[in-house]
PDB file of N, CA and C in Angstrom:
ATOM      1  N   MET A   1       2.933  14.943   1.101  1.00  0.00           N
ATOM      2  CA  MET A   1       2.283  15.398  -0.122  1.00  0.00           C
ATOM      3  C   MET A   1       1.445  14.269  -0.712  1.00  0.00           C
ATOM      4  N   LEU A   2       0.216  14.585  -1.043  1.00  0.00           N
ATOM      5  CA  LEU A   2      -0.679  13.609  -1.661  1.00  0.00           C
ATOM      6  C   LEU A   2      -0.219  13.306  -3.085  1.00  0.00           C
ATOM      7  N   LYS A   3      -0.416  12.069  -3.494  1.00  0.00           N
ATOM      8  CA  LYS A   3      -0.167  11.687  -4.885  1.00  0.00           C
ATOM      9  C   LYS A   3      -1.522  11.550  -5.569  1.00  0.00           C
ATOM     10  N   PHE A   4      -1.686  12.257  -6.673  1.00  0.00           N
ATOM     11  CA  PHE A   4      -2.908  12.191  -7.472  1.00  0.00           C
ATOM     12  C   PHE A   4      -2.546  11.459  -8.758  1.00  0.00           C
ATOM     13  N   ILE A   5      -3.031  10.236  -8.871  1.00  0.00           N
ATOM     14  CA  ILE A   5      -2.685   9.388 -10.003  1.00  0.00           C
ATOM     15  C   ILE A   5      -3.895   9.324 -10.921  1.00  0.00           C
ATOM     16  N   CYS A   6      -3.693   9.774 -12.152  1.00  0.00           N
ATOM     17  CA  CYS A   6      -4.830   9.902 -13.055  1.00  0.00           C
ATOM     18  C   CYS A   6      -4.411   9.683 -14.505  1.00  0.00           C
ATOM     19  N   TYR A   7      -5.419   9.658 -15.351  1.00  0.00           N
ATOM     20  CA  TYR A   7      -5.235   9.664 -16.794  1.00  0.00           C
ATOM     21  C   TYR A   7      -5.839  10.985 -17.256  1.00  0.00           C
ATOM     22  N   PRO A   8      -5.020  11.942 -17.709  1.00  0.00           N
ATOM     23  CA  PRO A   8      -5.498  13.295 -17.997  1.00  0.00           C
ATOM     24  C   PRO A   8      -6.689  13.382 -18.960  1.00  0.00           C
ATOM     25  N   LYS A   9      -6.872  12.408 -19.834  1.00  0.00           N
ATOM     26  CA  LYS A   9      -7.985  12.446 -20.780  1.00  0.00           C
ATOM     27  C   LYS A   9      -9.293  11.938 -20.176  1.00  0.00           C
ATOM     28  N   CYS A  10      -9.229  11.364 -18.998  1.00  0.00           N
ATOM     29  CA  CYS A  10     -10.399  10.813 -18.311  1.00  0.00           C
ATOM     30  C   CYS A  10     -11.216  11.955 -17.700  1.00  0.00           C
ATOM     31  N   THR A  11     -12.511  12.018 -18.022  1.00  0.00           N
ATOM     32  CA  THR A  11     -13.341  13.114 -17.518  1.00  0.00           C
ATOM     33  C   THR A  11     -13.513  13.053 -15.994  1.00  0.00           C
ATOM     34  N   THR A  12     -13.567  11.869 -15.435  1.00  0.00           N
ATOM     35  CA  THR A  12     -13.669  11.749 -13.974  1.00  0.00           C
ATOM     36  C   THR A  12     -12.396  12.281 -13.319  1.00  0.00           C
ATOM     37  N   CYS A  13     -11.254  11.976 -13.908  1.00  0.00           N
ATOM     38  CA  CYS A  13      -9.983  12.495 -13.383  1.00  0.00           C
ATOM     39  C   CYS A  13      -9.940  14.018 -13.474  1.00  0.00           C
ATOM     40  N   GLN A  14     -10.461  14.562 -14.561  1.00  0.00           N
ATOM     41  CA  GLN A  14     -10.507  16.016 -14.734  1.00  0.00           C
ATOM     42  C   GLN A  14     -11.380  16.662 -13.664  1.00  0.00           C
ATOM     43  N   LYS A  15     -12.528  16.051 -13.366  1.00  0.00           N
ATOM     44  CA  LYS A  15     -13.420  16.561 -12.310  1.00  0.00           C
ATOM     45  C   LYS A  15     -12.717  16.515 -10.958  1.00  0.00           C
ATOM     46  N   ALA A  16     -12.021  15.405 -10.699  1.00  0.00           N
ATOM     47  CA  ALA A  16     -11.325  15.247  -9.419  1.00  0.00           C
ATOM     48  C   ALA A  16     -10.220  16.287  -9.271  1.00  0.00           C
ATOM     49  N   GLU A  17      -9.466  16.519 -10.339  1.00  0.00           N
ATOM     50  CA  GLU A  17      -8.386  17.513 -10.265  1.00  0.00           C
ATOM     51  C   GLU A  17      -8.950  18.916 -10.060  1.00  0.00           C
ATOM     52  N   LYS A  18     -10.044  19.220 -10.725  1.00  0.00           N
ATOM     53  CA  LYS A  18     -10.694  20.517 -10.546  1.00  0.00           C
ATOM     54  C   LYS A  18     -11.129  20.675  -9.087  1.00  0.00           C
ATOM     55  N   TRP A  19     -11.701  19.615  -8.519  1.00  0.00           N
ATOM     56  CA  TRP A  19     -12.144  19.643  -7.117  1.00  0.00           C
ATOM     57  C   TRP A  19     -10.950  19.889  -6.185  1.00  0.00           C
ATOM     58  N   LEU A  20      -9.840  19.194  -6.437  1.00  0.00           N
ATOM     59  CA  LEU A  20      -8.641  19.381  -5.603  1.00  0.00           C
ATOM     60  C   LEU A  20      -8.183  20.839  -5.642  1.00  0.00           C
ATOM     61  N   LYS A  21      -8.141  21.408  -6.844  1.00  0.00           N
ATOM     62  CA  LYS A  21      -7.695  22.800  -6.996  1.00  0.00           C
ATOM     63  C   LYS A  21      -8.658  23.764  -6.317  1.00  0.00           C
ATOM     64  N   GLU A  22      -9.963  23.559  -6.523  1.00  0.00           N
ATOM     65  CA  GLU A  22     -10.971  24.440  -5.914  1.00  0.00           C
ATOM     66  C   GLU A  22     -10.920  24.406  -4.398  1.00  0.00           C
ATOM     67  N   ASN A  23     -10.490  23.275  -3.832  1.00  0.00           N
ATOM     68  CA  ASN A  23     -10.433  23.132  -2.379  1.00  0.00           C
ATOM     69  C   ASN A  23      -9.033  23.359  -1.808  1.00  0.00           C
ATOM     70  N   GLY A  24      -8.130  23.823  -2.635  1.00  0.00           N
ATOM     71  CA  GLY A  24      -6.785  24.174  -2.180  1.00  0.00           C
ATOM     72  C   GLY A  24      -5.959  22.994  -1.691  1.00  0.00           C
ATOM     73  N   VAL A  25      -6.236  21.820  -2.209  1.00  0.00           N
ATOM     74  CA  VAL A  25      -5.500  20.624  -1.789  1.00  0.00           C
ATOM     75  C   VAL A  25      -4.230  20.494  -2.629  1.00  0.00           C
ATOM     76  N   GLN A  26      -3.099  20.451  -1.964  1.00  0.00           N
ATOM     77  CA  GLN A  26      -1.810  20.302  -2.642  1.00  0.00           C
ATOM     78  C   GLN A  26      -1.596  18.833  -3.010  1.00  0.00           C
ATOM     79  N   TYR A  27      -1.068  18.592  -4.195  1.00  0.00           N
ATOM     80  CA  TYR A  27      -0.847  17.213  -4.642  1.00  0.00           C
ATOM     81  C   TYR A  27       0.260  17.164  -5.685  1.00  0.00           C
ATOM     82  N   GLU A  28       0.747  15.960  -5.859  1.00  0.00           N
ATOM     83  CA  GLU A  28       1.740  15.671  -6.896  1.00  0.00           C
ATOM     84  C   GLU A  28       1.022  14.840  -7.953  1.00  0.00           C
ATOM     85  N   LEU A  29       1.023  15.308  -9.194  1.00  0.00           N
ATOM     86  CA  LEU A  29       0.307  14.652 -10.285  1.00  0.00           C
ATOM     87  C   LEU A  29       1.173  13.564 -10.929  1.00  0.00           C
ATOM     88  N   ARG A  30       0.544  12.455 -11.240  1.00  0.00           N
ATOM     89  CA  ARG A  30       1.221  11.357 -11.934  1.00  0.00           C
ATOM     90  C   ARG A  30       0.274  10.790 -12.988  1.00  0.00           C
ATOM     91  N   ASN A  31       0.743  10.760 -14.227  1.00  0.00           N
ATOM     92  CA  ASN A  31      -0.028  10.217 -15.337  1.00  0.00           C
ATOM     93  C   ASN A  31       0.119   8.696 -15.329  1.00  0.00           C
ATOM     94  N   ILE A  32      -0.979   8.000 -15.100  1.00  0.00           N
ATOM     95  CA  ILE A  32      -0.951   6.543 -14.932  1.00  0.00           C
ATOM     96  C   ILE A  32      -0.560   5.813 -16.223  1.00  0.00           C
ATOM     97  N   LYS A  33      -0.807   6.442 -17.356  1.00  0.00           N
ATOM     98  CA  LYS A  33      -0.464   5.800 -18.629  1.00  0.00           C
ATOM     99  C   LYS A  33       1.037   5.895 -18.894  1.00  0.00           C
ATOM    100  N   GLU A  34       1.639   7.007 -18.487  1.00  0.00           N
ATOM    101  CA  GLU A  34       3.076   7.211 -18.704  1.00  0.00           C
ATOM    102  C   GLU A  34       3.923   6.615 -17.594  1.00  0.00           C
ATOM    103  N   ASP A  35       3.377   6.552 -16.399  1.00  0.00           N
ATOM    104  CA  ASP A  35       4.130   6.076 -15.229  1.00  0.00           C
ATOM    105  C   ASP A  35       3.257   5.073 -14.469  1.00  0.00           C
ATOM    106  N   ASN A  36       3.239   3.859 -14.996  1.00  0.00           N
ATOM    107  CA  ASN A  36       2.390   2.800 -14.455  1.00  0.00           C
ATOM    108  C   ASN A  36       2.776   2.448 -13.016  1.00  0.00           C
ATOM    109  N   PRO A  37       1.796   2.241 -12.144  1.00  0.00           N
ATOM    110  CA  PRO A  37       2.123   1.788 -10.779  1.00  0.00           C
ATOM    111  C   PRO A  37       2.857   0.445 -10.811  1.00  0.00           C
ATOM    112  N   THR A  38       3.811   0.304  -9.920  1.00  0.00           N
ATOM    113  CA  THR A  38       4.565  -0.940  -9.831  1.00  0.00           C
ATOM    114  C   THR A  38       3.822  -1.956  -8.964  1.00  0.00           C
ATOM    115  N   TYR A  39       4.277  -3.185  -9.029  1.00  0.00           N
ATOM    116  CA  TYR A  39       3.709  -4.241  -8.193  1.00  0.00           C
ATOM    117  C   TYR A  39       3.779  -3.836  -6.722  1.00  0.00           C
ATOM    118  N   ASP A  40       4.956  -3.362  -6.276  1.00  0.00           N
ATOM    119  CA  ASP A  40       5.144  -3.006  -4.864  1.00  0.00           C
ATOM    120  C   ASP A  40       4.245  -1.848  -4.449  1.00  0.00           C
ATOM    121  N   GLU A  41       4.095  -0.848  -5.324  1.00  0.00           N
ATOM    122  CA  GLU A  41       3.202   0.267  -5.008  1.00  0.00           C
ATOM    123  C   GLU A  41       1.764  -0.227  -4.868  1.00  0.00           C
ATOM    124  N   LEU A  42       1.330  -1.021  -5.824  1.00  0.00           N
ATOM    125  CA  LEU A  42      -0.045  -1.534  -5.788  1.00  0.00           C
ATOM    126  C   LEU A  42      -0.298  -2.386  -4.553  1.00  0.00           C
ATOM    127  N   LEU A  43       0.670  -3.191  -4.179  1.00  0.00           N
ATOM    128  CA  LEU A  43       0.541  -4.019  -2.976  1.00  0.00           C
ATOM    129  C   LEU A  43       0.383  -3.130  -1.738  1.00  0.00           C
ATOM    130  N   LEU A  44       1.191  -2.085  -1.644  1.00  0.00           N
ATOM    131  CA  LEU A  44       1.124  -1.145  -0.526  1.00  0.00           C
ATOM    132  C   LEU A  44      -0.224  -0.409  -0.517  1.00  0.00           C
ATOM    133  N   TRP A  45      -0.640   0.082  -1.676  1.00  0.00           N
ATOM    134  CA  TRP A  45      -1.897   0.829  -1.762  1.00  0.00           C
ATOM    135  C   TRP A  45      -3.093  -0.060  -1.446  1.00  0.00           C
ATOM    136  N   TYR A  46      -3.054  -1.275  -1.901  1.00  0.00           N
ATOM    137  CA  TYR A  46      -4.126  -2.228  -1.606  1.00  0.00           C
ATOM    138  C   TYR A  46      -4.255  -2.398  -0.094  1.00  0.00           C
ATOM    139  N   GLY A  47      -3.123  -2.543   0.581  1.00  0.00           N
ATOM    140  CA  GLY A  47      -3.127  -2.695   2.033  1.00  0.00           C
ATOM    141  C   GLY A  47      -3.685  -1.475   2.750  1.00  0.00           C
ATOM    142  N   LYS A  48      -3.358  -0.281   2.262  1.00  0.00           N
ATOM    143  CA  LYS A  48      -3.820   0.966   2.883  1.00  0.00           C
ATOM    144  C   LYS A  48      -5.280   1.264   2.587  1.00  0.00           C
ATOM    145  N   SER A  49      -5.780   0.752   1.469  1.00  0.00           N
ATOM    146  CA  SER A  49      -7.098   1.172   0.984  1.00  0.00           C
ATOM    147  C   SER A  49      -8.254   0.584   1.778  1.00  0.00           C
ATOM    148  N   GLY A  50      -8.084  -0.627   2.290  1.00  0.00           N
ATOM    149  CA  GLY A  50      -9.190  -1.306   2.941  1.00  0.00           C
ATOM    150  C   GLY A  50     -10.237  -1.801   1.953  1.00  0.00           C
ATOM    151  N   ALA A  51      -9.958  -1.664   0.668  1.00  0.00           N
ATOM    152  CA  ALA A  51     -10.900  -2.071  -0.378  1.00  0.00           C
ATOM    153  C   ALA A  51     -10.593  -3.484  -0.858  1.00  0.00           C
ATOM    154  N   GLU A  52     -11.551  -4.054  -1.564  1.00  0.00           N
ATOM    155  CA  GLU A  52     -11.299  -5.338  -2.211  1.00  0.00           C
ATOM    156  C   GLU A  52     -10.395  -5.091  -3.410  1.00  0.00           C
ATOM    157  N   LEU A  53      -9.580  -6.061  -3.731  1.00  0.00           N
ATOM    158  CA  LEU A  53      -8.642  -5.900  -4.836  1.00  0.00           C
ATOM    159  C   LEU A  53      -9.359  -5.655  -6.158  1.00  0.00           C
ATOM    160  N   LYS A  54     -10.526  -6.249  -6.330  1.00  0.00           N
ATOM    161  CA  LYS A  54     -11.251  -6.044  -7.589  1.00  0.00           C
ATOM    162  C   LYS A  54     -11.645  -4.582  -7.764  1.00  0.00           C
ATOM    163  N   GLY A  55     -11.704  -3.833  -6.674  1.00  0.00           N
ATOM    164  CA  GLY A  55     -12.011  -2.412  -6.742  1.00  0.00           C
ATOM    165  C   GLY A  55     -10.937  -1.589  -7.417  1.00  0.00           C
ATOM    166  N   PHE A  56      -9.741  -2.148  -7.559  1.00  0.00           N
ATOM    167  CA  PHE A  56      -8.639  -1.451  -8.222  1.00  0.00           C
ATOM    168  C   PHE A  56      -8.707  -1.589  -9.743  1.00  0.00           C
ATOM    169  N   PHE A  57      -9.595  -2.433 -10.240  1.00  0.00           N
ATOM    170  CA  PHE A  57      -9.683  -2.646 -11.692  1.00  0.00           C
ATOM    171  C   PHE A  57     -10.639  -1.657 -12.327  1.00  0.00           C
ATOM    172  N   ASN A  58     -10.232  -1.127 -13.465  1.00  0.00           N
ATOM    173  CA  ASN A  58     -11.050  -0.225 -14.266  1.00  0.00           C
ATOM    174  C   ASN A  58     -12.000  -1.083 -15.101  1.00  0.00           C
ATOM    175  N   THR A  59     -13.110  -1.487 -14.497  1.00  0.00           N
ATOM    176  CA  THR A  59     -14.015  -2.450 -15.126  1.00  0.00           C
ATOM    177  C   THR A  59     -14.757  -1.877 -16.331  1.00  0.00           C
ATOM    178  N   SER A  60     -14.751  -0.571 -16.490  1.00  0.00           N
ATOM    179  CA  SER A  60     -15.411   0.025 -17.653  1.00  0.00           C
ATOM    180  C   SER A  60     -14.432   0.298 -18.788  1.00  0.00           C
ATOM    181  N   GLY A  61     -13.160  -0.028 -18.563  1.00  0.00           N
ATOM    182  CA  GLY A  61     -12.141   0.246 -19.572  1.00  0.00           C
ATOM    183  C   GLY A  61     -12.148  -0.743 -20.725  1.00  0.00           C
ATOM    184  N   LEU A  62     -11.690  -0.273 -21.871  1.00  0.00           N
ATOM    185  CA  LEU A  62     -11.636  -1.107 -23.070  1.00  0.00           C
ATOM    186  C   LEU A  62     -10.692  -2.291 -22.894  1.00  0.00           C
ATOM    187  N   LEU A  63      -9.556  -2.057 -22.248  1.00  0.00           N
ATOM    188  CA  LEU A  63      -8.580  -3.131 -22.062  1.00  0.00           C
ATOM    189  C   LEU A  63      -9.153  -4.234 -21.175  1.00  0.00           C
ATOM    190  N   TYR A  64      -9.806  -3.846 -20.085  1.00  0.00           N
ATOM    191  CA  TYR A  64     -10.443  -4.799 -19.176  1.00  0.00           C
ATOM    192  C   TYR A  64     -11.434  -5.675 -19.942  1.00  0.00           C
ATOM    193  N   LYS A  65     -12.239  -5.026 -20.771  1.00  0.00           N
ATOM    194  CA  LYS A  65     -13.260  -5.753 -21.529  1.00  0.00           C
ATOM    195  C   LYS A  65     -12.637  -6.643 -22.609  1.00  0.00           C
ATOM    196  N   SER A  66     -11.625  -6.112 -23.323  1.00  0.00           N
ATOM    197  CA  SER A  66     -11.022  -6.901 -24.400  1.00  0.00           C
ATOM    198  C   SER A  66     -10.279  -8.129 -23.869  1.00  0.00           C
ATOM    199  N   MET A  67      -9.781  -8.028 -22.638  1.00  0.00           N
ATOM    200  CA  MET A  67      -9.081  -9.160 -22.015  1.00  0.00           C
ATOM    201  C   MET A  67     -10.050 -10.122 -21.330  1.00  0.00           C
ATOM    202  N   GLU A  68     -11.344  -9.777 -21.353  1.00  0.00           N
ATOM    203  CA  GLU A  68     -12.388 -10.593 -20.736  1.00  0.00           C
ATOM    204  C   GLU A  68     -12.090 -10.908 -19.268  1.00  0.00           C
ATOM    205  N   LEU A  69     -11.649  -9.875 -18.549  1.00  0.00           N
ATOM    206  CA  LEU A  69     -11.231 -10.072 -17.157  1.00  0.00           C
ATOM    207  C   LEU A  69     -12.389 -10.345 -16.209  1.00  0.00           C
ATOM    208  N   LYS A  70     -13.583  -9.930 -16.584  1.00  0.00           N
ATOM    209  CA  LYS A  70     -14.744 -10.210 -15.732  1.00  0.00           C
ATOM    210  C   LYS A  70     -14.837 -11.716 -15.453  1.00  0.00           C
ATOM    211  N   ASP A  71     -14.546 -12.511 -16.461  1.00  0.00           N
ATOM    212  CA  ASP A  71     -14.621 -13.966 -16.316  1.00  0.00           C
ATOM    213  C   ASP A  71     -13.349 -14.573 -15.729  1.00  0.00           C
ATOM    214  N   LYS A  72     -12.224 -13.904 -15.919  1.00  0.00           N
ATOM    215  CA  LYS A  72     -10.933 -14.475 -15.506  1.00  0.00           C
ATOM    216  C   LYS A  72     -10.527 -14.137 -14.069  1.00  0.00           C
ATOM    217  N   LEU A  73     -10.902 -12.944 -13.597  1.00  0.00           N
ATOM    218  CA  LEU A  73     -10.449 -12.490 -12.272  1.00  0.00           C
ATOM    219  C   LEU A  73     -10.829 -13.424 -11.122  1.00  0.00           C
ATOM    220  N   PRO A  74     -12.052 -13.972 -11.090  1.00  0.00           N
ATOM    221  CA  PRO A  74     -12.413 -14.807  -9.943  1.00  0.00           C
ATOM    222  C   PRO A  74     -11.478 -16.002  -9.717  1.00  0.00           C
ATOM    223  N   ALA A  75     -10.861 -16.485 -10.760  1.00  0.00           N
ATOM    224  CA  ALA A  75      -9.979 -17.649 -10.629  1.00  0.00           C
ATOM    225  C   ALA A  75      -8.525 -17.261 -10.345  1.00  0.00           C
ATOM    226  N   MET A  76      -8.235 -15.968 -10.354  1.00  0.00           N
ATOM    227  CA  MET A  76      -6.854 -15.518 -10.162  1.00  0.00           C
ATOM    228  C   MET A  76      -6.545 -15.271  -8.685  1.00  0.00           C
ATOM    229  N   SER A  77      -5.284 -15.488  -8.312  1.00  0.00           N
ATOM    230  CA  SER A  77      -4.836 -15.173  -6.948  1.00  0.00           C
ATOM    231  C   SER A  77      -4.627 -13.662  -6.839  1.00  0.00           C
ATOM    232  N   ASP A  78      -4.540 -13.158  -5.597  1.00  0.00           N
ATOM    233  CA  ASP A  78      -4.278 -11.734  -5.399  1.00  0.00           C
ATOM    234  C   ASP A  78      -2.954 -11.343  -6.043  1.00  0.00           C
ATOM    235  N   GLU A  79      -1.949 -12.186  -5.917  1.00  0.00           N
ATOM    236  CA  GLU A  79      -0.645 -11.889  -6.514  1.00  0.00           C
ATOM    237  C   GLU A  79      -0.765 -11.750  -8.034  1.00  0.00           C
ATOM    238  N   GLU A  80      -1.506 -12.644  -8.663  1.00  0.00           N
ATOM    239  CA  GLU A  80      -1.702 -12.574 -10.115  1.00  0.00           C
ATOM    240  C   GLU A  80      -2.457 -11.304 -10.503  1.00  0.00           C
ATOM    241  N   LYS A  81      -3.444 -10.920  -9.712  1.00  0.00           N
ATOM    242  CA  LYS A  81      -4.217  -9.710  -9.996  1.00  0.00           C
ATOM    243  C   LYS A  81      -3.336  -8.469  -9.901  1.00  0.00           C
ATOM    244  N   ILE A  82      -2.505  -8.399  -8.863  1.00  0.00           N
ATOM    245  CA  ILE A  82      -1.635  -7.238  -8.686  1.00  0.00           C
ATOM    246  C   ILE A  82      -0.600  -7.172  -9.816  1.00  0.00           C
ATOM    247  N   LYS A  83      -0.056  -8.321 -10.210  1.00  0.00           N
ATOM    248  CA  LYS A  83       0.881  -8.342 -11.339  1.00  0.00           C
ATOM    249  C   LYS A  83       0.195  -7.856 -12.613  1.00  0.00           C
ATOM    250  N   LEU A  84      -1.039  -8.251 -12.802  1.00  0.00           N
ATOM    251  CA  LEU A  84      -1.798  -7.826 -13.970  1.00  0.00           C
ATOM    252  C   LEU A  84      -2.024  -6.312 -13.937  1.00  0.00           C
ATOM    253  N   LEU A  85      -2.429  -5.777 -12.799  1.00  0.00           N
ATOM    254  CA  LEU A  85      -2.620  -4.336 -12.660  1.00  0.00           C
ATOM    255  C   LEU A  85      -1.315  -3.582 -12.944  1.00  0.00           C
ATOM    256  N   ALA A  86      -0.208  -4.130 -12.493  1.00  0.00           N
ATOM    257  CA  ALA A  86       1.095  -3.481 -12.683  1.00  0.00           C
ATOM    258  C   ALA A  86       1.566  -3.550 -14.135  1.00  0.00           C
ATOM    259  N   SER A  87       0.934  -4.390 -14.932  1.00  0.00           N
ATOM    260  CA  SER A  87       1.371  -4.554 -16.322  1.00  0.00           C
ATOM    261  C   SER A  87       0.887  -3.427 -17.230  1.00  0.00           C
ATOM    262  N   ASP A  88      -0.192  -2.741 -16.850  1.00  0.00           N
ATOM    263  CA  ASP A  88      -0.732  -1.677 -17.695  1.00  0.00           C
ATOM    264  C   ASP A  88      -1.615  -0.756 -16.866  1.00  0.00           C
ATOM    265  N   GLY A  89      -1.245   0.520 -16.789  1.00  0.00           N
ATOM    266  CA  GLY A  89      -1.984   1.494 -15.990  1.00  0.00           C
ATOM    267  C   GLY A  89      -3.434   1.658 -16.415  1.00  0.00           C
ATOM    268  N   MET A  90      -3.744   1.304 -17.657  1.00  0.00           N
ATOM    269  CA  MET A  90      -5.117   1.469 -18.129  1.00  0.00           C
ATOM    270  C   MET A  90      -6.056   0.422 -17.513  1.00  0.00           C
ATOM    271  N   LEU A  91      -5.504  -0.584 -16.842  1.00  0.00           N
ATOM    272  CA  LEU A  91      -6.330  -1.562 -16.130  1.00  0.00           C
ATOM    273  C   LEU A  91      -6.740  -1.061 -14.748  1.00  0.00           C
ATOM    274  N   VAL A  92      -6.050  -0.017 -14.266  1.00  0.00           N
ATOM    275  CA  VAL A  92      -6.253   0.467 -12.897  1.00  0.00           C
ATOM    276  C   VAL A  92      -7.356   1.521 -12.860  1.00  0.00           C
ATOM    277  N   LYS A  93      -8.278   1.366 -11.921  1.00  0.00           N
ATOM    278  CA  LYS A  93      -9.359   2.355 -11.724  1.00  0.00           C
ATOM    279  C   LYS A  93      -8.708   3.666 -11.304  1.00  0.00           C
ATOM    280  N   ARG A  94      -9.239   4.730 -11.827  1.00  0.00           N
ATOM    281  CA  ARG A  94      -8.663   6.027 -11.530  1.00  0.00           C
ATOM    282  C   ARG A  94      -9.776   7.055 -11.373  1.00  0.00           C
ATOM    283  N   PRO A  95      -9.455   8.173 -10.742  1.00  0.00           N
ATOM    284  CA  PRO A  95      -8.156   8.498 -10.183  1.00  0.00           C
ATOM    285  C   PRO A  95      -7.892   7.773  -8.867  1.00  0.00           C
ATOM    286  N   LEU A  96      -6.637   7.775  -8.496  1.00  0.00           N
ATOM    287  CA  LEU A  96      -6.222   7.290  -7.184  1.00  0.00           C
ATOM    288  C   LEU A  96      -5.666   8.493  -6.433  1.00  0.00           C
ATOM    289  N   LEU A  97      -6.038   8.618  -5.172  1.00  0.00           N
ATOM    290  CA  LEU A  97      -5.457   9.649  -4.323  1.00  0.00           C
ATOM    291  C   LEU A  97      -4.772   8.931  -3.175  1.00  0.00           C
ATOM    292  N   ILE A  98      -3.460   9.096  -3.112  1.00  0.00           N
ATOM    293  CA  ILE A  98      -2.645   8.364  -2.143  1.00  0.00           C
ATOM    294  C   ILE A  98      -2.152   9.320  -1.067  1.00  0.00           C
ATOM    295  N   GLY A  99      -2.531   9.023   0.172  1.00  0.00           N
ATOM    296  CA  GLY A  99      -2.051   9.797   1.307  1.00  0.00           C
ATOM    297  C   GLY A  99      -1.123   8.940   2.163  1.00  0.00           C
ATOM    298  N   GLU A 100      -0.671   9.512   3.245  1.00  0.00           N
ATOM    299  CA  GLU A 100       0.248   8.800   4.145  1.00  0.00           C
ATOM    300  C   GLU A 100      -0.382   7.517   4.688  1.00  0.00           C
ATOM    301  N   ASP A 101      -1.670   7.599   5.045  1.00  0.00           N
ATOM    302  CA  ASP A 101      -2.322   6.446   5.677  1.00  0.00           C
ATOM    303  C   ASP A 101      -3.657   6.075   5.029  1.00  0.00           C
ATOM    304  N   PHE A 102      -3.848   6.505   3.774  1.00  0.00           N
ATOM    305  CA  PHE A 102      -5.099   6.163   3.085  1.00  0.00           C
ATOM    306  C   PHE A 102      -4.900   6.127   1.577  1.00  0.00           C
ATOM    307  N   VAL A 103      -5.830   5.460   0.921  1.00  0.00           N
ATOM    308  CA  VAL A 103      -5.890   5.427  -0.539  1.00  0.00           C
ATOM    309  C   VAL A 103      -7.365   5.551  -0.925  1.00  0.00           C
ATOM    310  N   LEU A 104      -7.672   6.519  -1.775  1.00  0.00           N
ATOM    311  CA  LEU A 104      -9.019   6.689  -2.295  1.00  0.00           C
ATOM    312  C   LEU A 104      -9.019   6.246  -3.754  1.00  0.00           C
ATOM    313  N   ILE A 105      -9.965   5.391  -4.108  1.00  0.00           N
ATOM    314  CA  ILE A 105     -10.044   4.816  -5.448  1.00  0.00           C
ATOM    315  C   ILE A 105     -11.274   5.377  -6.143  1.00  0.00           C
ATOM    316  N   GLY A 106     -11.064   6.013  -7.296  1.00  0.00           N
ATOM    317  CA  GLY A 106     -12.176   6.641  -7.997  1.00  0.00           C
ATOM    318  C   GLY A 106     -12.514   7.965  -7.317  1.00  0.00           C
ATOM    319  N   PHE A 107     -13.308   8.781  -7.971  1.00  0.00           N
ATOM    320  CA  PHE A 107     -13.666  10.081  -7.405  1.00  0.00           C
ATOM    321  C   PHE A 107     -15.106  10.065  -6.908  1.00  0.00           C
ATOM    322  N   LYS A 108     -15.228  10.096  -5.584  1.00  0.00           N
ATOM    323  CA  LYS A 108     -16.521  10.241  -4.929  1.00  0.00           C
ATOM    324  C   LYS A 108     -16.381  11.485  -4.056  1.00  0.00           C
ATOM    325  N   GLU A 109     -17.011  12.564  -4.472  1.00  0.00           N
ATOM    326  CA  GLU A 109     -16.777  13.869  -3.849  1.00  0.00           C
ATOM    327  C   GLU A 109     -16.964  13.852  -2.335  1.00  0.00           C
ATOM    328  N   LYS A 110     -18.021  13.228  -1.850  1.00  0.00           N
ATOM    329  CA  LYS A 110     -18.263  13.203  -0.404  1.00  0.00           C
ATOM    330  C   LYS A 110     -17.142  12.464   0.329  1.00  0.00           C
ATOM    331  N   GLU A 111     -16.727  11.332  -0.223  1.00  0.00           N
ATOM    332  CA  GLU A 111     -15.653  10.557   0.389  1.00  0.00           C
ATOM    333  C   GLU A 111     -14.356  11.378   0.430  1.00  0.00           C
ATOM    334  N   TRP A 112     -14.054  12.074  -0.647  1.00  0.00           N
ATOM    335  CA  TRP A 112     -12.848  12.886  -0.690  1.00  0.00           C
ATOM    336  C   TRP A 112     -12.943  14.055   0.303  1.00  0.00           C
ATOM    337  N   ALA A 113     -14.121  14.692   0.360  1.00  0.00           N
ATOM    338  CA  ALA A 113     -14.314  15.808   1.283  1.00  0.00           C
ATOM    339  C   ALA A 113     -14.176  15.339   2.738  1.00  0.00           C
ATOM    340  N   ASP A 114     -14.775  14.200   3.064  1.00  0.00           N
ATOM    341  CA  ASP A 114     -14.687  13.660   4.419  1.00  0.00           C
ATOM    342  C   ASP A 114     -13.238  13.402   4.820  1.00  0.00           C
ATOM    343  N   LYS A 115     -12.435  12.955   3.879  1.00  0.00           N
ATOM    344  CA  LYS A 115     -11.043  12.588   4.173  1.00  0.00           C
ATOM    345  C   LYS A 115     -10.119  13.816   4.189  1.00  0.00           C
ATOM    346  N   LEU A 116     -10.408  14.806   3.343  1.00  0.00           N
ATOM    347  CA  LEU A 116      -9.442  15.884   3.123  1.00  0.00           C
ATOM    348  C   LEU A 116      -9.829  17.250   3.710  1.00  0.00           C
ATOM    349  N   LEU A 117     -11.109  17.485   3.933  1.00  0.00           N
ATOM    350  CA  LEU A 117     -11.505  18.839   4.365  1.00  0.00           C
ATOM    351  C   LEU A 117     -11.916  18.896   5.823  1.00  0.00           C
TER     352      LEU A 117
END
């Protein structure tokens, strides 16, 4: 079963969930604000994603900006970045779609269609 990790008030997450439903994709919903990803989950997802770790950060989020992470991240180790992501779900780019052997970060319809349909 796919895990769909989102923030329900996020319009991109709403579009992604609508797309999943329209395409008959079964998933388990998880609210990232109420159930923050753990360090171990993030480490596993990072490994599966093939993406750069900075891609997991919600760079347009208020928390990211207020913490001035744009300037701080380059000097941080991967371990420090993952611990930071695990500290607050609002720092994590969303939605996340977690499969057995893949992780999709953010909603890009073509990428999701290529992987799921």
